[in-house]
Amino acid sequence: MIKGTNTREASVAIFGEKFVADLEQSECEQTGRCQCDGDTDVEFASTRSTEINGEKRALTAYYYQTEATCNDDRLFNFADWAVAGYEID
């Protein structure tokens, strides 16, 4: 199950362009979350937090790679790391 149902535009509207761009440039980590819907893609995520109007908010960018890509260094080094979606907390 793919996470991150929000768009970049919705994220920018809340957090601002610079915050979202900085998140997209940050390192992502494999989440280790098990896919329970038969999806075999491997999930990676990067999260940044900030305070907006006195309320703590977080934005997570989700990325997905195939198992084959994750198991082959040559493929992994040249993988497409486009954000699949954003989660706003």
PDB file of N, CA and C in Angstrom:
ATOM      1  N   MET A   1       0.851  -1.173   0.000  1.00  0.00           N
ATOM      2  CA  MET A   1       0.000   0.000   0.000  1.00  0.00           C
ATOM      3  C   MET A   1       0.896   1.235   0.000  1.00  0.00           C
ATOM      4  N   ILE A   2       0.742   2.040  -0.995  1.00  0.00           N
ATOM      5  CA  ILE A   2       1.537   3.256  -1.118  1.00  0.00           C
ATOM      6  C   ILE A   2       0.996   4.323  -0.179  1.00  0.00           C
ATOM      7  N   LYS A   3       1.916   4.945   0.567  1.00  0.00           N
ATOM      8  CA  LYS A   3       1.545   6.043   1.461  1.00  0.00           C
ATOM      9  C   LYS A   3       1.870   7.358   0.769  1.00  0.00           C
ATOM     10  N   GLY A   4       1.367   8.427   1.318  1.00  0.00           N
ATOM     11  CA  GLY A   4       1.661   9.740   0.769  1.00  0.00           C
ATOM     12  C   GLY A   4       0.643  10.150  -0.272  1.00  0.00           C
ATOM     13  N   THR A   5      -0.571  10.432   0.165  1.00  0.00           N
ATOM     14  CA  THR A   5      -1.654  10.747  -0.763  1.00  0.00           C
ATOM     15  C   THR A   5      -1.748  12.231  -1.106  1.00  0.00           C
ATOM     16  N   ASN A   6      -0.908  13.046  -0.479  1.00  0.00           N
ATOM     17  CA  ASN A   6      -0.950  14.483  -0.766  1.00  0.00           C
ATOM     18  C   ASN A   6       0.015  14.844  -1.893  1.00  0.00           C
ATOM     19  N   THR A   7      -0.315  15.902  -2.591  1.00  0.00           N
ATOM     20  CA  THR A   7       0.508  16.354  -3.705  1.00  0.00           C
ATOM     21  C   THR A   7       1.584  17.320  -3.234  1.00  0.00           C
ATOM     22  N   ARG A   8       2.510  17.586  -4.102  1.00  0.00           N
ATOM     23  CA  ARG A   8       3.548  18.577  -3.816  1.00  0.00           C
ATOM     24  C   ARG A   8       2.905  19.952  -3.644  1.00  0.00           C
ATOM     25  N   GLU A   9       1.944  20.259  -4.478  1.00  0.00           N
ATOM     26  CA  GLU A   9       1.282  21.565  -4.423  1.00  0.00           C
ATOM     27  C   GLU A   9       0.600  21.788  -3.073  1.00  0.00           C
ATOM     28  N   ALA A  10      -0.086  20.771  -2.567  1.00  0.00           N
ATOM     29  CA  ALA A  10      -0.742  20.877  -1.262  1.00  0.00           C
ATOM     30  C   ALA A  10       0.297  21.045  -0.159  1.00  0.00           C
ATOM     31  N   SER A  11       1.420  20.359  -0.289  1.00  0.00           N
ATOM     32  CA  SER A  11       2.493  20.464   0.698  1.00  0.00           C
ATOM     33  C   SER A  11       3.113  21.855   0.689  1.00  0.00           C
ATOM     34  N   VAL A  12       3.340  22.400  -0.499  1.00  0.00           N
ATOM     35  CA  VAL A  12       3.900  23.752  -0.620  1.00  0.00           C
ATOM     36  C   VAL A  12       2.941  24.780  -0.038  1.00  0.00           C
ATOM     37  N   ALA A  13       1.654  24.588  -0.239  1.00  0.00           N
ATOM     38  CA  ALA A  13       0.659  25.538   0.279  1.00  0.00           C
ATOM     39  C   ALA A  13       0.714  25.631   1.805  1.00  0.00           C
ATOM     40  N   ILE A  14       1.059  24.544   2.472  1.00  0.00           N
ATOM     41  CA  ILE A  14       1.115  24.531   3.937  1.00  0.00           C
ATOM     42  C   ILE A  14       2.508  24.870   4.450  1.00  0.00           C
ATOM     43  N   PHE A  15       3.544  24.289   3.855  1.00  0.00           N
ATOM     44  CA  PHE A  15       4.897  24.384   4.388  1.00  0.00           C
ATOM     45  C   PHE A  15       5.791  25.395   3.666  1.00  0.00           C
ATOM     46  N   GLY A  16       5.437  25.747   2.448  1.00  0.00           N
ATOM     47  CA  GLY A  16       6.262  26.664   1.670  1.00  0.00           C
ATOM     48  C   GLY A  16       7.215  25.921   0.752  1.00  0.00           C
ATOM     49  N   GLU A  17       7.577  26.567  -0.340  1.00  0.00           N
ATOM     50  CA  GLU A  17       8.432  25.975  -1.376  1.00  0.00           C
ATOM     51  C   GLU A  17       9.799  25.555  -0.827  1.00  0.00           C
ATOM     52  N   LYS A  18      10.441  26.414  -0.053  1.00  0.00           N
ATOM     53  CA  LYS A  18      11.787  26.111   0.444  1.00  0.00           C
ATOM     54  C   LYS A  18      11.784  24.888   1.354  1.00  0.00           C
ATOM     55  N   PHE A  19      10.805  24.793   2.241  1.00  0.00           N
ATOM     56  CA  PHE A  19      10.718  23.657   3.157  1.00  0.00           C
ATOM     57  C   PHE A  19      10.562  22.351   2.378  1.00  0.00           C
ATOM     58  N   VAL A  20       9.669  22.353   1.385  1.00  0.00           N
ATOM     59  CA  VAL A  20       9.425  21.147   0.587  1.00  0.00           C
ATOM     60  C   VAL A  20      10.670  20.801  -0.234  1.00  0.00           C
ATOM     61  N   ALA A  21      11.295  21.795  -0.840  1.00  0.00           N
ATOM     62  CA  ALA A  21      12.510  21.557  -1.627  1.00  0.00           C
ATOM     63  C   ALA A  21      13.629  20.999  -0.749  1.00  0.00           C
ATOM     64  N   ASP A  22      13.785  21.525   0.462  1.00  0.00           N
ATOM     65  CA  ASP A  22      14.798  21.014   1.391  1.00  0.00           C
ATOM     66  C   ASP A  22      14.507  19.562   1.762  1.00  0.00           C
ATOM     67  N   LEU A  23      13.241  19.235   1.984  1.00  0.00           N
ATOM     68  CA  LEU A  23      12.857  17.854   2.288  1.00  0.00           C
ATOM     69  C   LEU A  23      13.220  16.936   1.126  1.00  0.00           C
ATOM     70  N   GLU A  24      12.931  17.363  -0.080  1.00  0.00           N
ATOM     71  CA  GLU A  24      13.209  16.550  -1.267  1.00  0.00           C
ATOM     72  C   GLU A  24      14.710  16.315  -1.471  1.00  0.00           C
ATOM     73  N   GLN A  25      15.537  17.206  -0.977  1.00  0.00           N
ATOM     74  CA  GLN A  25      16.984  17.068  -1.117  1.00  0.00           C
ATOM     75  C   GLN A  25      17.620  16.303   0.043  1.00  0.00           C
ATOM     76  N   SER A  26      16.845  16.016   1.076  1.00  0.00           N
ATOM     77  CA  SER A  26      17.393  15.321   2.245  1.00  0.00           C
ATOM     78  C   SER A  26      17.473  13.813   1.984  1.00  0.00           C
ATOM     79  N   GLU A  27      18.290  13.156   2.797  1.00  0.00           N
ATOM     80  CA  GLU A  27      18.451  11.709   2.689  1.00  0.00           C
ATOM     81  C   GLU A  27      17.162  11.002   3.097  1.00  0.00           C
ATOM     82  N   CYS A  28      16.824   9.959   2.364  1.00  0.00           N
ATOM     83  CA  CYS A  28      15.680   9.146   2.764  1.00  0.00           C
ATOM     84  C   CYS A  28      16.197   7.813   3.282  1.00  0.00           C
ATOM     85  N   GLU A  29      15.384   7.184   4.091  1.00  0.00           N
ATOM     86  CA  GLU A  29      15.741   5.908   4.714  1.00  0.00           C
ATOM     87  C   GLU A  29      14.682   4.866   4.374  1.00  0.00           C
ATOM     88  N   GLN A  30      15.114   3.626   4.288  1.00  0.00           N
ATOM     89  CA  GLN A  30      14.162   2.544   4.097  1.00  0.00           C
ATOM     90  C   GLN A  30      13.314   2.436   5.353  1.00  0.00           C
ATOM     91  N   THR A  31      11.995   2.365   5.193  1.00  0.00           N
ATOM     92  CA  THR A  31      11.109   2.352   6.357  1.00  0.00           C
ATOM     93  C   THR A  31      10.985   0.984   6.995  1.00  0.00           C
ATOM     94  N   GLY A  32      11.154  -0.073   6.229  1.00  0.00           N
ATOM     95  CA  GLY A  32      10.987  -1.418   6.763  1.00  0.00           C
ATOM     96  C   GLY A  32       9.525  -1.812   6.922  1.00  0.00           C
ATOM     97  N   ARG A  33       8.625  -0.936   6.478  1.00  0.00           N
ATOM     98  CA  ARG A  33       7.192  -1.226   6.584  1.00  0.00           C
ATOM     99  C   ARG A  33       6.837  -2.356   5.627  1.00  0.00           C
ATOM    100  N   CYS A  34       6.164  -3.370   6.132  1.00  0.00           N
ATOM    101  CA  CYS A  34       5.743  -4.507   5.311  1.00  0.00           C
ATOM    102  C   CYS A  34       4.531  -4.113   4.482  1.00  0.00           C
ATOM    103  N   GLN A  35       4.574  -4.453   3.227  1.00  0.00           N
ATOM    104  CA  GLN A  35       3.437  -4.240   2.349  1.00  0.00           C
ATOM    105  C   GLN A  35       2.512  -5.438   2.516  1.00  0.00           C
ATOM    106  N   CYS A  36       1.281  -5.194   2.888  1.00  0.00           N
ATOM    107  CA  CYS A  36       0.368  -6.303   3.150  1.00  0.00           C
ATOM    108  C   CYS A  36      -0.684  -6.479   2.057  1.00  0.00           C
ATOM    109  N   ASP A  37      -0.501  -5.776   0.945  1.00  0.00           N
ATOM    110  CA  ASP A  37      -1.494  -5.864  -0.123  1.00  0.00           C
ATOM    111  C   ASP A  37      -0.937  -6.520  -1.388  1.00  0.00           C
ATOM    112  N   GLY A  38       0.185  -7.232  -1.229  1.00  0.00           N
ATOM    113  CA  GLY A  38       0.778  -7.905  -2.374  1.00  0.00           C
ATOM    114  C   GLY A  38       1.768  -7.047  -3.133  1.00  0.00           C
ATOM    115  N   ASP A  39       1.889  -5.783  -2.785  1.00  0.00           N
ATOM    116  CA  ASP A  39       2.847  -4.886  -3.417  1.00  0.00           C
ATOM    117  C   ASP A  39       4.240  -5.260  -2.933  1.00  0.00           C
ATOM    118  N   THR A  40       5.179  -5.435  -3.829  1.00  0.00           N
ATOM    119  CA  THR A  40       6.528  -5.850  -3.440  1.00  0.00           C
ATOM    120  C   THR A  40       7.528  -4.700  -3.459  1.00  0.00           C
ATOM    121  N   ASP A  41       7.093  -3.491  -3.769  1.00  0.00           N
ATOM    122  CA  ASP A  41       8.007  -2.354  -3.770  1.00  0.00           C
ATOM    123  C   ASP A  41       8.522  -2.078  -2.362  1.00  0.00           C
ATOM    124  N   VAL A  42       9.726  -1.548  -2.290  1.00  0.00           N
ATOM    125  CA  VAL A  42      10.373  -1.218  -1.025  1.00  0.00           C
ATOM    126  C   VAL A  42      10.163   0.274  -0.766  1.00  0.00           C
ATOM    127  N   GLU A  43       9.720   0.589   0.444  1.00  0.00           N
ATOM    128  CA  GLU A  43       9.365   1.964   0.796  1.00  0.00           C
ATOM    129  C   GLU A  43      10.531   2.684   1.473  1.00  0.00           C
ATOM    130  N   PHE A  44      10.747   3.926   1.045  1.00  0.00           N
ATOM    131  CA  PHE A  44      11.717   4.823   1.653  1.00  0.00           C
ATOM    132  C   PHE A  44      10.980   6.106   2.018  1.00  0.00           C
ATOM    133  N   ALA A  45      11.469   6.796   3.051  1.00  0.00           N
ATOM    134  CA  ALA A  45      10.810   8.037   3.452  1.00  0.00           C
ATOM    135  C   ALA A  45      11.818   9.002   4.059  1.00  0.00           C
ATOM    136  N   SER A  46      11.448  10.256   3.974  1.00  0.00           N
ATOM    137  CA  SER A  46      12.211  11.328   4.602  1.00  0.00           C
ATOM    138  C   SER A  46      11.201  12.264   5.255  1.00  0.00           C
ATOM    139  N   THR A  47      11.466  12.668   6.503  1.00  0.00           N
ATOM    140  CA  THR A  47      10.523  13.506   7.243  1.00  0.00           C
ATOM    141  C   THR A  47      11.232  14.731   7.797  1.00  0.00           C
ATOM    142  N   ARG A  48      10.545  15.849   7.743  1.00  0.00           N
ATOM    143  CA  ARG A  48      11.006  17.094   8.367  1.00  0.00           C
ATOM    144  C   ARG A  48       9.849  17.661   9.172  1.00  0.00           C
ATOM    145  N   SER A  49      10.185  18.276  10.299  1.00  0.00           N
ATOM    146  CA  SER A  49       9.174  18.889  11.162  1.00  0.00           C
ATOM    147  C   SER A  49       9.442  20.380  11.303  1.00  0.00           C
ATOM    148  N   THR A  50       8.379  21.113  11.596  1.00  0.00           N
ATOM    149  CA  THR A  50       8.478  22.549  11.834  1.00  0.00           C
ATOM    150  C   THR A  50       7.272  22.970  12.666  1.00  0.00           C
ATOM    151  N   GLU A  51       7.265  24.207  13.055  1.00  0.00           N
ATOM    152  CA  GLU A  51       6.123  24.752  13.779  1.00  0.00           C
ATOM    153  C   GLU A  51       5.436  25.772  12.880  1.00  0.00           C
ATOM    154  N   ILE A  52       4.120  25.620  12.748  1.00  0.00           N
ATOM    155  CA  ILE A  52       3.318  26.528  11.933  1.00  0.00           C
ATOM    156  C   ILE A  52       2.193  27.053  12.812  1.00  0.00           C
ATOM    157  N   ASN A  53       2.159  28.365  12.987  1.00  0.00           N
ATOM    158  CA  ASN A  53       1.141  29.001  13.831  1.00  0.00           C
ATOM    159  C   ASN A  53       1.060  28.357  15.217  1.00  0.00           C
ATOM    160  N   GLY A  54       2.232  28.055  15.799  1.00  0.00           N
ATOM    161  CA  GLY A  54       2.279  27.488  17.135  1.00  0.00           C
ATOM    162  C   GLY A  54       1.970  26.006  17.222  1.00  0.00           C
ATOM    163  N   GLU A  55       1.761  25.366  16.083  1.00  0.00           N
ATOM    164  CA  GLU A  55       1.427  23.938  16.057  1.00  0.00           C
ATOM    165  C   GLU A  55       2.550  23.169  15.370  1.00  0.00           C
ATOM    166  N   LYS A  56       3.014  22.085  16.004  1.00  0.00           N
ATOM    167  CA  LYS A  56       4.049  21.258  15.403  1.00  0.00           C
ATOM    168  C   LYS A  56       3.465  20.462  14.245  1.00  0.00           C
ATOM    169  N   ARG A  57       4.100  20.579  13.079  1.00  0.00           N
ATOM    170  CA  ARG A  57       3.651  19.879  11.869  1.00  0.00           C
ATOM    171  C   ARG A  57       4.823  19.127  11.265  1.00  0.00           C
ATOM    172  N   ALA A  58       4.529  18.054  10.577  1.00  0.00           N
ATOM    173  CA  ALA A  58       5.566  17.259   9.919  1.00  0.00           C
ATOM    174  C   ALA A  58       5.138  16.960   8.487  1.00  0.00           C
ATOM    175  N   LEU A  59       6.117  16.880   7.629  1.00  0.00           N
ATOM    176  CA  LEU A  59       5.889  16.515   6.234  1.00  0.00           C
ATOM    177  C   LEU A  59       6.809  15.351   5.905  1.00  0.00           C
ATOM    178  N   THR A  60       6.242  14.297   5.350  1.00  0.00           N
ATOM    179  CA  THR A  60       7.010  13.118   4.958  1.00  0.00           C
ATOM    180  C   THR A  60       6.889  12.922   3.454  1.00  0.00           C
ATOM    181  N   ALA A  61       8.028  12.704   2.812  1.00  0.00           N
ATOM    182  CA  ALA A  61       8.059  12.367   1.386  1.00  0.00           C
ATOM    183  C   ALA A  61       8.310  10.869   1.276  1.00  0.00           C
ATOM    184  N   TYR A  62       7.514  10.188   0.463  1.00  0.00           N
ATOM    185  CA  TYR A  62       7.649   8.746   0.264  1.00  0.00           C
ATOM    186  C   TYR A  62       8.188   8.447  -1.126  1.00  0.00           C
ATOM    187  N   TYR A  63       9.081   7.465  -1.159  1.00  0.00           N
ATOM    188  CA  TYR A  63       9.712   7.001  -2.393  1.00  0.00           C
ATOM    189  C   TYR A  63       9.561   5.486  -2.432  1.00  0.00           C
ATOM    190  N   TYR A  64       9.466   4.913  -3.619  1.00  0.00           N
ATOM    191  CA  TYR A  64       9.341   3.467  -3.753  1.00  0.00           C
ATOM    192  C   TYR A  64      10.296   2.961  -4.829  1.00  0.00           C
ATOM    193  N   GLN A  65      10.933   1.830  -4.514  1.00  0.00           N
ATOM    194  CA  GLN A  65      11.827   1.163  -5.459  1.00  0.00           C
ATOM    195  C   GLN A  65      11.425  -0.303  -5.535  1.00  0.00           C
ATOM    196  N   THR A  66      11.711  -0.923  -6.655  1.00  0.00           N
ATOM    197  CA  THR A  66      11.423  -2.345  -6.781  1.00  0.00           C
ATOM    198  C   THR A  66      12.450  -3.143  -5.981  1.00  0.00           C
ATOM    199  N   GLU A  67      12.092  -4.359  -5.628  1.00  0.00           N
ATOM    200  CA  GLU A  67      13.031  -5.236  -4.922  1.00  0.00           C
ATOM    201  C   GLU A  67      14.279  -5.465  -5.770  1.00  0.00           C
ATOM    202  N   ALA A  68      14.080  -5.634  -7.079  1.00  0.00           N
ATOM    203  CA  ALA A  68      15.219  -5.865  -7.975  1.00  0.00           C
ATOM    204  C   ALA A  68      16.192  -4.688  -7.928  1.00  0.00           C
ATOM    205  N   THR A  69      15.662  -3.477  -7.910  1.00  0.00           N
ATOM    206  CA  THR A  69      16.525  -2.292  -7.841  1.00  0.00           C
ATOM    207  C   THR A  69      17.290  -2.271  -6.527  1.00  0.00           C
ATOM    208  N   CYS A  70      16.630  -2.591  -5.444  1.00  0.00           N
ATOM    209  CA  CYS A  70      17.270  -2.565  -4.123  1.00  0.00           C
ATOM    210  C   CYS A  70      18.330  -3.654  -3.973  1.00  0.00           C
ATOM    211  N   ASN A  71      18.199  -4.735  -4.727  1.00  0.00           N
ATOM    212  CA  ASN A  71      19.128  -5.855  -4.616  1.00  0.00           C
ATOM    213  C   ASN A  71      20.283  -5.794  -5.608  1.00  0.00           C
ATOM    214  N   ASP A  72      20.325  -4.765  -6.447  1.00  0.00           N
ATOM    215  CA  ASP A  72      21.375  -4.633  -7.458  1.00  0.00           C
ATOM    216  C   ASP A  72      22.029  -3.259  -7.306  1.00  0.00           C
ATOM    217  N   ASP A  73      23.271  -3.235  -6.847  1.00  0.00           N
ATOM    218  CA  ASP A  73      23.961  -1.964  -6.608  1.00  0.00           C
ATOM    219  C   ASP A  73      23.992  -1.064  -7.838  1.00  0.00           C
ATOM    220  N   ARG A  74      24.179  -1.653  -9.008  1.00  0.00           N
ATOM    221  CA  ARG A  74      24.218  -0.835 -10.232  1.00  0.00           C
ATOM    222  C   ARG A  74      22.881  -0.144 -10.461  1.00  0.00           C
ATOM    223  N   LEU A  75      21.794  -0.866 -10.304  1.00  0.00           N
ATOM    224  CA  LEU A  75      20.469  -0.281 -10.477  1.00  0.00           C
ATOM    225  C   LEU A  75      20.166   0.726  -9.372  1.00  0.00           C
ATOM    226  N   PHE A  76      20.509   0.371  -8.150  1.00  0.00           N
ATOM    227  CA  PHE A  76      20.204   1.228  -7.004  1.00  0.00           C
ATOM    228  C   PHE A  76      20.910   2.574  -7.117  1.00  0.00           C
ATOM    229  N   ASN A  77      22.147   2.566  -7.570  1.00  0.00           N
ATOM    230  CA  ASN A  77      22.913   3.812  -7.695  1.00  0.00           C
ATOM    231  C   ASN A  77      22.319   4.768  -8.719  1.00  0.00           C
ATOM    232  N   PHE A  78      21.567   4.245  -9.661  1.00  0.00           N
ATOM    233  CA  PHE A  78      20.979   5.085 -10.706  1.00  0.00           C
ATOM    234  C   PHE A  78      19.454   5.090 -10.663  1.00  0.00           C
ATOM    235  N   ALA A  79      18.894   4.727  -9.526  1.00  0.00           N
ATOM    236  CA  ALA A  79      17.435   4.655  -9.381  1.00  0.00           C
ATOM    237  C   ALA A  79      16.807   6.041  -9.476  1.00  0.00           C
ATOM    238  N   ASP A  80      15.578   6.070  -9.919  1.00  0.00           N
ATOM    239  CA  ASP A  80      14.800   7.309  -9.979  1.00  0.00           C
ATOM    240  C   ASP A  80      14.216   7.556  -8.597  1.00  0.00           C
ATOM    241  N   TRP A  81      14.651   8.636  -7.955  1.00  0.00           N
ATOM    242  CA  TRP A  81      14.204   8.947  -6.600  1.00  0.00           C
ATOM    243  C   TRP A  81      13.146  10.043  -6.612  1.00  0.00           C
ATOM    244  N   ALA A  82      12.209   9.942  -7.528  1.00  0.00           N
ATOM    245  CA  ALA A  82      11.099  10.907  -7.570  1.00  0.00           C
ATOM    246  C   ALA A  82      10.141  10.605  -6.419  1.00  0.00           C
ATOM    247  N   VAL A  83       9.641  11.659  -5.791  1.00  0.00           N
ATOM    248  CA  VAL A  83       8.698  11.506  -4.687  1.00  0.00           C
ATOM    249  C   VAL A  83       7.394  10.913  -5.221  1.00  0.00           C
ATOM    250  N   ALA A  84       6.919   9.859  -4.571  1.00  0.00           N
ATOM    251  CA  ALA A  84       5.662   9.231  -4.959  1.00  0.00           C
ATOM    252  C   ALA A  84       4.472   9.946  -4.345  1.00  0.00           C
ATOM    253  N   GLY A  85       4.674  10.569  -3.198  1.00  0.00           N
ATOM    254  CA  GLY A  85       3.602  11.289  -2.527  1.00  0.00           C
ATOM    255  C   GLY A  85       4.074  11.845  -1.204  1.00  0.00           C
ATOM    256  N   TYR A  86       3.259  12.707  -0.619  1.00  0.00           N
ATOM    257  CA  TYR A  86       3.594  13.375   0.634  1.00  0.00           C
ATOM    258  C   TYR A  86       2.520  13.094   1.667  1.00  0.00           C
ATOM    259  N   GLU A  87       2.944  12.976   2.907  1.00  0.00           N
ATOM    260  CA  GLU A  87       2.021  12.801   4.018  1.00  0.00           C
ATOM    261  C   GLU A  87       2.181  14.009   4.947  1.00  0.00           C
ATOM    262  N   ILE A  88       1.084  14.653   5.250  1.00  0.00           N
ATOM    263  CA  ILE A  88       1.091  15.847   6.104  1.00  0.00           C
ATOM    264  C   ILE A  88       0.542  15.483   7.474  1.00  0.00           C
ATOM    265  N   ASP A  89       1.347  15.728   8.504  1.00  0.00           N
ATOM    266  CA  ASP A  89       0.915  15.446   9.877  1.00  0.00           C
ATOM    267  C   ASP A  89       0.889  16.741  10.676  1.00  0.00           C
TER     268      ASP A  89
END
